[in-house]
Amino acid sequence: MNCGAGGGNRRRGRPRRARMIETEGMWRCYAPCCGRGQHPQETVTLLPEELEAFRLVDSEGLDQESAAERMHVSRRTLWRDVHTARRKVADALSEGKVIAISDCGHADQDACILSDQENETLPQPEE
C-alpha cells in the first residue's frame, strides 16, 4: 500500500513522499480500559506510515537503513516518522488518551472502539 502521496490535506512545504506499508488494514485504534463505559475526550492520531515505521524499528528490531529501504524512504524520513510515533504513543500512555490510527478501516464496523460515539468520524491527524 502506498500511503501519504496525493492526500486531501494541503500542507506547507514539500509534499509527503509515498511510503510502502506492509500491514495494510492490520492496525486498530486503542483506548485505556479503565473508566469503561466512558470514552476519553482526548485522542492521539497516528498516521499509517508512522505506525509502520514504529513497528519496523521497535517491534521487528530493524535498523534505520533496513526499515527505510522496506518503506522506500530516506533514513531521515523514517526516523522522523518513528520519533513522531514514539512521542504520540508516550503522550497517550502517560495521559490516558485514545490512540486512533488514521484510516484504520474499522471506523464503520462494530470493532472500532470509537464507532459508538455520536460522531462516528475519527479525529484528523495532528499537524
Protein backbone atom coordinates (compact mmCIF):
# COMPACT_ATOMS: atom_id res chain seq x y z
CA MET A 1 0.00 0.00 0.00
CA ASN A 2 1.33 3.44 -0.86
CA CYS A 3 0.45 5.99 1.74
CA GLY A 4 1.00 9.72 2.02
CA ALA A 5 1.06 10.86 -1.60
CA GLY A 6 -1.82 12.78 -3.10
CA GLY A 7 -3.79 13.06 0.12
CA GLY A 8 -6.59 15.54 0.63
CA ASN A 9 -4.75 17.53 3.28
CA ARG A 10 -2.95 20.59 1.96
CA ARG A 11 0.34 21.10 3.77
CA ARG A 12 3.03 23.70 3.54
CA GLY A 13 6.36 22.80 2.04
CA ARG A 14 7.24 19.72 0.08
CA PRO A 15 4.57 17.08 -0.44
CA ARG A 16 4.90 13.88 1.58
CA ARG A 17 6.61 11.08 -0.28
CA ALA A 18 4.66 7.84 -0.63
CA ARG A 19 5.68 5.16 1.86
CA MET A 20 5.33 1.40 1.46
CA ILE A 21 3.23 -0.09 4.24
CA GLU A 22 3.26 -3.88 4.50
CA THR A 23 0.50 -4.35 7.07
CA GLU A 24 -2.39 -2.66 5.24
CA GLY A 25 -5.58 -2.84 7.29
CA MET A 26 -3.91 -4.70 10.17
CA TRP A 27 -3.97 -1.80 12.62
CA ARG A 28 -6.65 -0.84 15.12
CA CYS A 29 -7.36 2.02 17.46
CA TYR A 30 -6.71 1.61 21.19
CA ALA A 31 -8.19 3.13 24.33
CA PRO A 32 -7.49 2.90 28.05
CA CYS A 33 -9.51 0.10 29.66
CA CYS A 34 -10.06 1.92 32.96
CA GLY A 35 -13.23 4.00 33.07
CA ARG A 36 -15.21 1.57 30.90
CA GLY A 37 -18.41 2.98 29.50
CA GLN A 38 -16.82 6.37 29.06
CA HIS A 39 -14.76 7.41 26.07
CA PRO A 40 -11.77 9.58 26.86
CA GLN A 41 -12.15 13.01 25.33
CA GLU A 42 -8.60 13.37 24.12
CA THR A 43 -7.24 11.40 21.19
CA VAL A 44 -3.79 10.98 19.68
CA THR A 45 -3.90 10.09 15.97
CA LEU A 46 -1.11 8.08 14.38
CA LEU A 47 -0.69 8.10 10.61
CA PRO A 48 -0.30 4.66 8.99
CA GLU A 49 3.26 5.47 7.91
CA GLU A 50 4.18 6.49 11.48
CA LEU A 51 2.79 3.22 12.81
CA GLU A 52 4.65 1.20 10.16
CA ALA A 53 7.98 2.92 10.90
CA PHE A 54 7.40 2.43 14.64
CA ARG A 55 6.60 -1.28 14.06
CA LEU A 56 9.60 -1.95 11.86
CA VAL A 57 12.12 -0.30 14.20
CA ASP A 58 10.73 -1.08 17.65
CA SER A 59 8.83 -4.32 17.12
CA GLU A 60 10.84 -6.05 14.40
CA GLY A 61 14.14 -4.56 15.59
CA LEU A 62 15.31 -3.37 12.18
CA ASP A 63 17.99 -0.70 11.95
CA GLN A 64 17.22 2.63 10.28
CA GLU A 65 18.74 1.65 6.95
CA SER A 66 16.80 -1.62 6.61
CA ALA A 67 13.50 -0.13 7.74
CA ALA A 68 13.89 2.86 5.41
CA GLU A 69 14.57 0.52 2.47
CA ARG A 70 11.43 -1.51 3.22
CA MET A 71 9.33 1.66 3.31
CA HIS A 72 11.09 3.18 0.25
CA VAL A 73 12.03 6.39 2.07
CA SER A 74 15.23 8.01 3.29
CA ARG A 75 16.63 7.23 6.73
CA ARG A 76 15.86 10.77 7.82
CA THR A 77 12.20 10.45 6.78
CA LEU A 78 11.91 7.10 8.54
CA TRP A 79 13.47 8.43 11.71
CA ARG A 80 11.17 11.45 11.73
CA ASP A 81 8.14 9.11 11.48
CA VAL A 82 9.50 6.86 14.27
CA HIS A 83 10.21 9.84 16.52
CA THR A 84 6.73 11.30 15.94
CA ALA A 85 5.05 7.93 16.59
CA ARG A 86 7.01 7.39 19.82
CA ARG A 87 6.12 10.87 21.06
CA LYS A 88 2.42 10.33 20.32
CA VAL A 89 2.30 6.86 21.93
CA ALA A 90 4.16 8.07 25.03
CA ASP A 91 1.74 11.00 25.34
CA ALA A 92 -1.28 8.72 25.01
CA LEU A 93 0.01 6.17 27.53
CA SER A 94 1.07 8.72 30.12
CA GLU A 95 -2.07 10.86 29.79
CA GLY A 96 -4.67 8.09 29.28
CA LYS A 97 -5.63 9.19 25.77
CA VAL A 98 -7.13 7.13 22.94
CA ILE A 99 -4.68 6.08 20.22
CA ALA A 100 -6.52 6.35 16.90
CA ILE A 101 -4.99 5.15 13.65
CA SER A 102 -5.90 7.40 10.73
CA ASP A 103 -7.81 5.42 8.08
CA CYS A 104 -7.82 2.29 10.25
CA GLY A 105 -10.54 0.66 8.17
CA HIS A 106 -12.60 -0.27 11.22
CA ALA A 107 -14.42 3.05 11.74
CA ASP A 108 -17.57 1.73 10.06
CA GLN A 109 -17.60 -1.59 11.93
CA ASP A 110 -18.54 -2.65 15.44
CA ALA A 111 -14.85 -3.48 16.04
CA CYS A 112 -13.86 0.18 16.36
CA ILE A 113 -13.65 1.50 19.91
CA LEU A 114 -14.75 4.90 18.66
CA SER A 115 -17.66 3.74 16.46
CA ASP A 116 -20.37 4.04 19.09
CA GLN A 117 -19.66 7.69 19.77
CA GLU A 118 -22.25 10.11 18.46
CA ASN A 119 -19.79 11.47 15.92
CA GLU A 120 -18.53 8.37 14.10
CA THR A 121 -15.63 10.06 12.31
CA LEU A 122 -12.14 9.56 13.61
CA PRO A 123 -10.11 12.61 14.61
CA GLN A 124 -7.86 14.11 11.97
CA PRO A 125 -4.09 13.70 12.28
CA GLU A 126 -2.13 16.27 14.23
CA GLU A 127 0.00 18.65 12.17
